[in-house]
Amino acid sequence: MKGYLSAIAFLLFSTGVAATQLTTKSIEYHYPNSTEIQYRLPWFTSPDNPAIAKRINDYLFSSLLNHLPGKDPQATLNQLVKAGLDGTENLDYTVEYRKGDILTINIFAEGCGAYCESYDSPMSFDLTSGSKIAISDVVIADALPQLNDQIRQDIRTRIATFVAQQKALPVAEQRIDEDQVVDYGEFYSTCYVSTIDGIDYTDRFSIKDNKLVFLNGRCSNHASRALDDLGDFTTSIAVSKLKDTLTPYGRRLLLVEGQQPVSPEPELSGKLLYGTLGKNTRILLNVTCGSEYIRGAYFYEKFGAPIALSGKCTATDKRHYELTTAEQDVRKETFTLDLIDGHYQGVWESNGKTLPVRFE
């Protein structure tokens, strides 16, 4: 298992405001009758900004465990593990970066189905709000296609360079598999062709050491992973090189320009939103938009269990969404949301009943 942090308190300094104390400790679940940790998650607390810590904790629990932490996160983790975590065999984390208003952590997970696969999920949070930072928060929309192509081309260059280096080696120094020299040109050919286009190379994004860091998955499948010397692709781009493409929020966050707070443009996808259903029922929404479809769940704060939602989405229209529960649900629910005055609000409908809903 990765990770080394058990409990630590640190100061996070924000320009123009006093230092905020944020404490993190580990919530752990051990293998039965063992001292080895199977699941380990961070738990943040802040005496002066508890709402910020709560938003980060709620996002991590709802995203990784598909449940809210409740009043006793350790008890919640224990109960969820005993009930089964949908193929997630291991979870761990590291704090990768903390400076100014930025906290970056990496989640290491191992999922098991027909076979087990491990993967990393880096993510950065804004410590003035607790919100997860999306690439669209910090880079203007018109510059995202060019940034995507830059990352894609970096991957293609690495593949081409590696293949050329391997072919230039004497036969005696080349990789052998089952008594044959590995043809890396053939090995990476499908992956190389697949990177001719694509729009999702900026999806896994984090901030570290004044750089934007993009993580993209490896070329190999599970069976050929041992031969894949390139592994995952990490592309780091200095913030200084992106200065002219940053949003006002991005400039404030990454370049620490100006004294006045600047918020990102309202966004539904990839954000944890707190809201009110009806007069006073508190709910949370955590959904993510892929290329065409949005998926996730909403949660009643009182109960914490997920109610799955899905719908259609586009990268260009972030003002209107229709989210529904599964068609086969006896009590099908629909959220119709519009961005009005900086907030997503609208109506919830089920079995002829309609209630207003508004997210903060």
Protein backbone atom coordinates (compact mmCIF):
# COMPACT_ATOMS: atom_id res chain seq x y z
CA MET A 1 0.00 0.00 0.00
CA LYS A 2 1.11 3.53 -0.75
CA GLY A 3 1.06 6.36 1.73
CA TYR A 4 2.81 7.48 4.83
CA LEU A 5 0.67 10.15 6.46
CA SER A 6 -1.26 9.12 9.54
CA ALA A 7 -2.10 12.44 11.19
CA ILE A 8 -0.67 15.89 10.64
CA ALA A 9 -1.67 19.50 11.18
CA PHE A 10 -0.47 22.14 8.76
CA LEU A 11 -1.02 25.78 7.94
CA LEU A 12 -2.37 26.86 4.59
CA PHE A 13 -1.73 30.50 3.79
CA SER A 14 -4.05 32.54 1.62
CA THR A 15 -3.07 35.92 0.24
CA GLY A 16 -4.73 38.69 2.21
CA VAL A 17 -6.24 36.43 4.89
CA ALA A 18 -5.01 34.75 8.03
CA ALA A 19 -3.59 31.27 7.90
CA THR A 20 -6.16 28.51 8.04
CA GLN A 21 -5.37 25.49 10.15
CA LEU A 22 -6.35 22.23 8.51
CA THR A 23 -5.76 18.92 10.23
CA THR A 24 -5.84 15.59 8.46
CA LYS A 25 -5.91 12.15 9.97
CA SER A 26 -6.35 8.75 8.41
CA ILE A 27 -9.52 6.70 8.56
CA GLU A 28 -8.42 3.09 8.20
CA TYR A 29 -9.89 -0.36 7.76
CA HIS A 30 -7.59 -3.34 8.24
CA TYR A 31 -7.79 -6.74 6.63
CA PRO A 32 -9.52 -9.16 9.03
CA ASN A 33 -7.13 -10.47 11.69
CA SER A 34 -4.29 -8.44 10.23
CA THR A 35 -2.37 -5.22 10.83
CA GLU A 36 -2.24 -4.53 7.08
CA ILE A 37 -4.41 -1.63 5.94
CA GLN A 38 -6.93 -2.38 3.20
CA TYR A 39 -8.73 0.96 3.00
CA ARG A 40 -7.30 4.31 4.08
CA LEU A 41 -8.83 7.71 3.45
CA PRO A 42 -7.98 11.22 4.64
CA TRP A 43 -10.29 13.02 7.03
CA PHE A 44 -9.93 16.78 7.24
CA THR A 45 -10.94 19.08 10.07
CA SER A 46 -10.61 22.84 10.45
CA PRO A 47 -11.56 24.75 13.62
CA ASP A 48 -11.89 28.08 11.81
CA ASN A 49 -13.31 26.85 8.48
CA PRO A 50 -15.25 23.64 9.16
CA ALA A 51 -17.37 24.06 6.01
CA ILE A 52 -14.26 23.81 3.83
CA ALA A 53 -13.15 20.56 5.47
CA LYS A 54 -16.70 19.20 5.26
CA ARG A 55 -16.95 19.81 1.52
CA ILE A 56 -13.67 18.00 0.85
CA ASN A 57 -14.66 15.07 3.07
CA ASP A 58 -18.13 14.81 1.54
CA TYR A 59 -16.67 14.89 -1.96
CA LEU A 60 -14.15 12.13 -1.22
CA PHE A 61 -16.65 9.85 0.51
CA SER A 62 -19.39 10.33 -2.08
CA SER A 63 -16.96 9.86 -4.98
CA LEU A 64 -14.87 6.96 -3.65
CA LEU A 65 -17.31 5.12 -1.38
CA ASN A 66 -20.62 6.25 -2.93
CA HIS A 67 -21.94 7.29 0.48
CA LEU A 68 -21.78 10.32 2.75
CA PRO A 69 -19.53 10.01 5.81
CA GLY A 70 -22.18 10.86 8.39
CA LYS A 71 -21.36 11.82 11.96
CA ASP A 72 -18.94 8.90 12.44
CA PRO A 73 -16.85 8.41 9.27
CA GLN A 74 -14.95 5.46 10.76
CA ALA A 75 -18.18 3.61 11.51
CA THR A 76 -19.47 4.45 8.03
CA LEU A 77 -16.33 3.04 6.40
CA ASN A 78 -16.57 -0.12 8.51
CA GLN A 79 -20.20 -0.66 7.53
CA LEU A 80 -19.59 -0.02 3.84
CA VAL A 81 -16.65 -2.43 3.68
CA LYS A 82 -18.61 -5.17 5.40
CA ALA A 83 -21.48 -4.63 2.95
CA GLY A 84 -19.09 -4.70 -0.04
CA LEU A 85 -17.49 -1.86 -1.98
CA ASP A 86 -18.41 -2.84 -5.55
CA GLY A 87 -15.09 -4.36 -6.54
CA THR A 88 -12.81 -1.81 -4.84
CA GLU A 89 -10.18 -3.98 -3.18
CA ASN A 90 -7.84 -1.28 -1.83
CA LEU A 91 -7.82 2.46 -1.23
CA ASP A 92 -4.98 4.68 -0.07
CA TYR A 93 -3.88 8.30 -0.40
CA THR A 94 -0.98 10.71 -0.23
CA VAL A 95 -0.94 14.46 0.24
CA GLU A 96 1.00 15.56 -2.83
CA TYR A 97 1.04 19.34 -2.49
CA ARG A 98 -0.21 22.08 -0.22
CA LYS A 99 0.55 25.73 -0.74
CA GLY A 100 -1.50 28.91 -0.69
CA ASP A 101 -5.12 28.09 -1.47
CA ILE A 102 -4.32 24.73 -3.09
CA LEU A 103 -4.39 21.22 -1.66
CA THR A 104 -3.55 18.30 -3.95
CA ILE A 105 -3.98 14.68 -2.96
CA ASN A 106 -3.61 11.45 -4.88
CA ILE A 107 -5.96 8.53 -4.39
CA PHE A 108 -4.52 5.10 -5.09
CA ALA A 109 -7.14 2.43 -5.70
CA GLU A 110 -7.25 -1.18 -6.77
CA GLY A 111 -10.40 -2.47 -8.38
CA CYS A 112 -11.14 -6.14 -8.96
CA GLY A 113 -13.50 -7.84 -11.36
CA ALA A 114 -12.32 -10.61 -13.67
CA TYR A 115 -8.85 -9.37 -12.67
CA CYS A 116 -7.45 -6.60 -10.48
CA GLU A 117 -6.19 -3.24 -11.74
CA SER A 118 -4.64 -0.38 -9.79
CA TYR A 119 -4.93 3.26 -10.73
CA ASP A 120 -4.20 6.76 -9.43
CA SER A 121 -6.65 9.64 -9.17
CA PRO A 122 -4.93 12.97 -8.48
CA MET A 123 -7.18 15.87 -7.50
CA SER A 124 -6.77 19.43 -6.28
CA PHE A 125 -9.02 21.44 -3.98
CA ASP A 126 -9.49 25.17 -3.48
CA LEU A 127 -8.99 25.84 0.22
CA THR A 128 -11.09 29.00 0.18
CA SER A 129 -14.20 26.93 -0.62
CA GLY A 130 -13.33 23.23 -0.38
CA SER A 131 -14.37 22.70 -4.00
CA LYS A 132 -12.51 20.34 -6.31
CA ILE A 133 -10.73 22.33 -9.00
CA ALA A 134 -11.60 21.48 -12.61
CA ILE A 135 -9.44 22.34 -15.60
CA SER A 136 -12.31 24.45 -16.96
CA ASP A 137 -12.16 26.52 -13.77
CA VAL A 138 -8.63 27.73 -14.48
CA VAL A 139 -8.24 27.62 -18.29
CA ILE A 140 -10.55 29.53 -20.64
CA ALA A 141 -12.82 27.42 -22.85
CA ASP A 142 -11.28 28.61 -26.12
CA ALA A 143 -7.83 27.40 -25.01
CA LEU A 144 -8.88 23.92 -23.87
CA PRO A 145 -8.75 22.27 -27.35
CA GLN A 146 -5.18 23.50 -27.88
CA LEU A 147 -4.17 22.34 -24.39
CA ASN A 148 -5.75 18.95 -25.09
CA ASP A 149 -3.78 18.66 -28.34
CA GLN A 150 -0.56 19.63 -26.59
CA ILE A 151 -0.97 16.80 -24.09
CA ARG A 152 -2.02 14.35 -26.80
CA GLN A 153 1.04 15.25 -28.89
CA ASP A 154 3.29 14.82 -25.86
CA ILE A 155 2.02 11.25 -25.49
CA ARG A 156 2.57 10.52 -29.18
CA THR A 157 6.09 11.92 -29.02
CA ARG A 158 6.95 9.75 -26.03
CA ILE A 159 5.68 6.63 -27.78
CA ALA A 160 7.55 7.41 -31.01
CA THR A 161 10.77 8.25 -29.15
CA PHE A 162 10.65 5.08 -27.06
CA VAL A 163 9.95 2.86 -30.07
CA ALA A 164 12.85 4.43 -31.99
CA GLN A 165 15.19 3.96 -29.03
CA GLN A 166 14.26 0.29 -28.71
CA LYS A 167 14.75 -0.37 -32.41
CA ALA A 168 18.20 1.25 -32.25
CA LEU A 169 19.40 -1.14 -29.55
CA PRO A 170 21.53 -4.17 -30.47
CA VAL A 171 19.40 -7.30 -30.59
CA ALA A 172 21.18 -8.64 -27.51
CA GLU A 173 19.94 -5.65 -25.47
CA GLN A 174 16.33 -5.66 -26.65
CA ARG A 175 13.45 -6.96 -24.56
CA ILE A 176 12.74 -10.68 -24.90
CA ASP A 177 9.34 -12.23 -24.32
CA GLU A 178 8.68 -15.94 -24.89
CA ASP A 179 12.02 -16.31 -26.67
CA GLN A 180 11.24 -13.52 -29.14
CA VAL A 181 12.34 -9.90 -29.35
CA VAL A 182 9.46 -7.61 -28.41
CA ASP A 183 8.41 -5.49 -31.38
CA TYR A 184 7.52 -2.28 -29.59
CA GLY A 185 6.44 -0.66 -32.83
CA GLU A 186 3.70 -3.25 -33.05
CA PHE A 187 3.12 -3.23 -29.29
CA TYR A 188 2.28 0.49 -29.21
CA SER A 189 0.78 0.78 -32.70
CA THR A 190 -2.87 0.68 -31.67
CA CYS A 191 -2.29 3.18 -28.88
CA TYR A 192 -0.34 5.46 -31.18
CA VAL A 193 -3.13 5.47 -33.75
CA SER A 194 -5.76 6.10 -31.07
CA THR A 195 -3.98 9.29 -30.00
CA ILE A 196 -4.43 10.90 -33.42
CA ASP A 197 -7.47 12.62 -31.95
CA GLY A 198 -9.55 12.66 -28.77
CA ILE A 199 -10.83 15.34 -26.42
CA ASP A 200 -10.39 13.84 -22.96
CA TYR A 201 -6.66 14.25 -22.31
CA THR A 202 -7.21 17.01 -19.74
CA ASP A 203 -9.70 15.06 -17.62
CA ARG A 204 -7.37 13.80 -14.87
CA PHE A 205 -5.79 17.02 -13.73
CA SER A 206 -4.07 18.37 -10.62
CA ILE A 207 -1.87 21.25 -9.49
CA LYS A 208 1.62 20.78 -8.10
CA ASP A 209 4.74 22.95 -7.78
CA ASN A 210 3.41 25.77 -10.00
CA LYS A 211 2.52 23.28 -12.72
CA LEU A 212 -0.64 21.80 -14.15
CA VAL A 213 -0.21 18.04 -14.17
CA PHE A 214 -2.25 15.79 -16.47
CA LEU A 215 -2.41 12.03 -15.99
CA ASN A 216 -3.44 9.70 -18.82
CA GLY A 217 -3.66 5.94 -18.72
CA ARG A 218 -1.21 3.45 -20.12
CA CYS A 219 -1.41 1.85 -23.55
CA SER A 220 -1.37 -1.81 -22.49
CA ASN A 221 -4.20 -4.04 -21.39
CA HIS A 222 -3.98 -6.18 -18.26
CA ALA A 223 -2.44 -9.17 -20.04
CA SER A 224 0.39 -7.17 -21.63
CA ARG A 225 1.03 -4.76 -18.78
CA ALA A 226 4.34 -6.37 -17.81
CA LEU A 227 5.80 -5.44 -21.21
CA ASP A 228 4.61 -1.83 -21.09
CA ASP A 229 7.70 0.13 -20.09
CA LEU A 230 6.01 3.50 -20.60
CA GLY A 231 3.10 2.96 -18.21
CA ASP A 232 0.85 5.91 -17.40
CA PHE A 233 1.58 9.20 -19.11
CA THR A 234 2.14 12.29 -16.97
CA THR A 235 2.37 15.65 -18.71
CA SER A 236 3.42 18.68 -16.64
CA ILE A 237 3.00 22.21 -17.98
CA ALA A 238 4.33 25.25 -16.12
CA VAL A 239 1.66 27.73 -15.09
CA SER A 240 3.85 30.52 -16.48
CA LYS A 241 3.46 29.06 -19.98
CA LEU A 242 -0.32 29.16 -19.69
CA LYS A 243 -0.58 32.66 -18.26
CA ASP A 244 -2.42 34.11 -21.26
CA THR A 245 -5.01 31.32 -21.27
CA LEU A 246 -6.01 31.44 -17.60
CA THR A 247 -9.45 32.51 -16.43
CA PRO A 248 -9.71 35.37 -13.89
CA TYR A 249 -10.17 32.69 -11.23
CA GLY A 250 -7.17 30.78 -12.57
CA ARG A 251 -4.99 33.87 -12.42
CA ARG A 252 -6.08 34.56 -8.85
CA LEU A 253 -5.52 30.97 -7.76
CA LEU A 254 -2.36 30.08 -9.68
CA LEU A 255 -0.61 33.43 -10.10
CA VAL A 256 -1.93 34.96 -6.85
CA GLU A 257 -2.89 38.14 -8.69
CA GLY A 258 -5.06 40.71 -6.95
CA GLN A 259 -6.42 40.91 -3.43
CA GLN A 260 -10.13 40.38 -4.07
CA PRO A 261 -11.58 36.84 -4.10
CA VAL A 262 -12.59 35.54 -7.52
CA SER A 263 -14.91 32.58 -7.98
CA PRO A 264 -14.88 30.18 -10.93
CA GLU A 265 -17.78 30.11 -13.34
CA PRO A 266 -20.70 28.02 -11.99
CA GLU A 267 -20.35 24.36 -12.87
CA LEU A 268 -22.43 21.26 -12.15
CA SER A 269 -20.05 18.57 -13.38
CA GLY A 270 -17.30 17.40 -11.03
CA LYS A 271 -18.47 19.58 -8.16
CA LEU A 272 -20.09 18.66 -4.88
CA LEU A 273 -23.15 20.90 -4.56
CA TYR A 274 -25.24 21.40 -1.44
CA GLY A 275 -28.89 22.14 -1.96
CA THR A 276 -32.42 22.26 -0.61
CA LEU A 277 -35.30 20.13 -1.86
CA GLY A 278 -38.73 21.49 -1.07
CA LYS A 279 -38.83 23.79 1.95
CA ASN A 280 -35.91 22.51 4.00
CA THR A 281 -34.74 19.01 3.02
CA ARG A 282 -30.97 19.14 2.66
CA ILE A 283 -29.45 17.21 -0.25
CA LEU A 284 -26.06 16.90 -1.98
CA LEU A 285 -25.34 16.41 -5.67
CA ASN A 286 -22.20 14.81 -7.12
CA VAL A 287 -22.31 14.20 -10.88
CA THR A 288 -19.73 14.18 -13.66
CA CYS A 289 -20.20 14.91 -17.36
CA GLY A 290 -18.35 12.68 -19.82
CA SER A 291 -18.33 13.35 -23.55
CA GLU A 292 -22.12 13.10 -23.88
CA TYR A 293 -23.59 11.71 -20.67
CA ILE A 294 -23.66 12.88 -17.09
CA ARG A 295 -23.68 10.33 -14.27
CA GLY A 296 -23.52 10.38 -10.52
CA ALA A 297 -25.91 10.55 -7.60
CA TYR A 298 -27.70 12.75 -5.17
CA PHE A 299 -27.81 12.12 -1.44
CA TYR A 300 -30.16 13.06 1.36
CA GLU A 301 -27.85 14.57 3.97
CA LYS A 302 -29.83 12.86 6.73
CA PHE A 303 -29.39 9.34 5.32
CA GLY A 304 -26.22 9.45 3.19
CA ALA A 305 -27.08 6.66 0.73
CA PRO A 306 -26.80 7.37 -3.02
CA ILE A 307 -29.69 7.74 -5.45
CA ALA A 308 -28.17 7.27 -8.90
CA LEU A 309 -28.80 9.88 -11.59
CA SER A 310 -27.97 10.12 -15.28
CA GLY A 311 -28.66 12.39 -18.21
CA LYS A 312 -27.20 13.99 -21.31
CA CYS A 313 -24.66 16.79 -21.31
CA THR A 314 -22.33 18.73 -23.57
CA ALA A 315 -19.12 20.61 -22.91
CA THR A 316 -20.58 23.80 -24.38
CA ASP A 317 -23.96 24.01 -22.63
CA LYS A 318 -23.62 24.20 -18.86
CA ARG A 319 -26.85 26.09 -18.24
CA HIS A 320 -29.50 23.35 -18.47
CA TYR A 321 -29.60 19.75 -17.24
CA GLU A 322 -32.20 17.03 -16.92
CA LEU A 323 -31.18 14.25 -14.55
CA THR A 324 -33.26 11.14 -13.91
CA THR A 325 -33.15 7.99 -11.88
CA ALA A 326 -33.26 4.64 -13.69
CA GLU A 327 -36.20 3.97 -16.00
CA GLN A 328 -37.06 0.77 -14.14
CA ASP A 329 -37.37 2.53 -10.79
CA VAL A 330 -40.87 2.24 -9.38
CA ARG A 331 -40.65 5.84 -8.21
CA LYS A 332 -38.76 7.50 -11.06
CA GLU A 333 -37.37 10.92 -10.18
CA THR A 334 -36.38 13.78 -12.46
CA PHE A 335 -34.37 16.92 -11.72
CA THR A 336 -34.75 19.76 -14.22
CA LEU A 337 -32.09 22.35 -13.46
CA ASP A 338 -31.20 25.69 -14.99
CA LEU A 339 -28.40 28.08 -14.14
CA ILE A 340 -30.12 31.20 -12.83
CA ASP A 341 -28.29 34.04 -11.07
CA GLY A 342 -25.24 31.87 -10.52
CA HIS A 343 -27.09 28.92 -8.97
CA TYR A 344 -28.51 25.69 -10.37
CA GLN A 345 -32.19 25.58 -9.52
CA GLY A 346 -35.40 24.15 -10.85
CA VAL A 347 -37.83 21.38 -10.02
CA TRP A 348 -37.81 17.79 -8.79
CA GLU A 349 -40.63 15.54 -10.04
CA SER A 350 -41.77 12.05 -9.08
CA ASN A 351 -45.13 10.29 -9.46
CA GLY A 352 -46.91 13.55 -10.19
CA LYS A 353 -45.37 15.37 -7.23
CA THR A 354 -43.31 18.49 -7.86
CA LEU A 355 -40.95 20.28 -5.49
CA PRO A 356 -38.60 23.22 -5.97
CA VAL A 357 -34.88 22.51 -5.73
CA ARG A 358 -31.97 24.91 -5.45
CA PHE A 359 -28.24 24.24 -5.14
CA GLU A 360 -25.90 26.72 -3.48
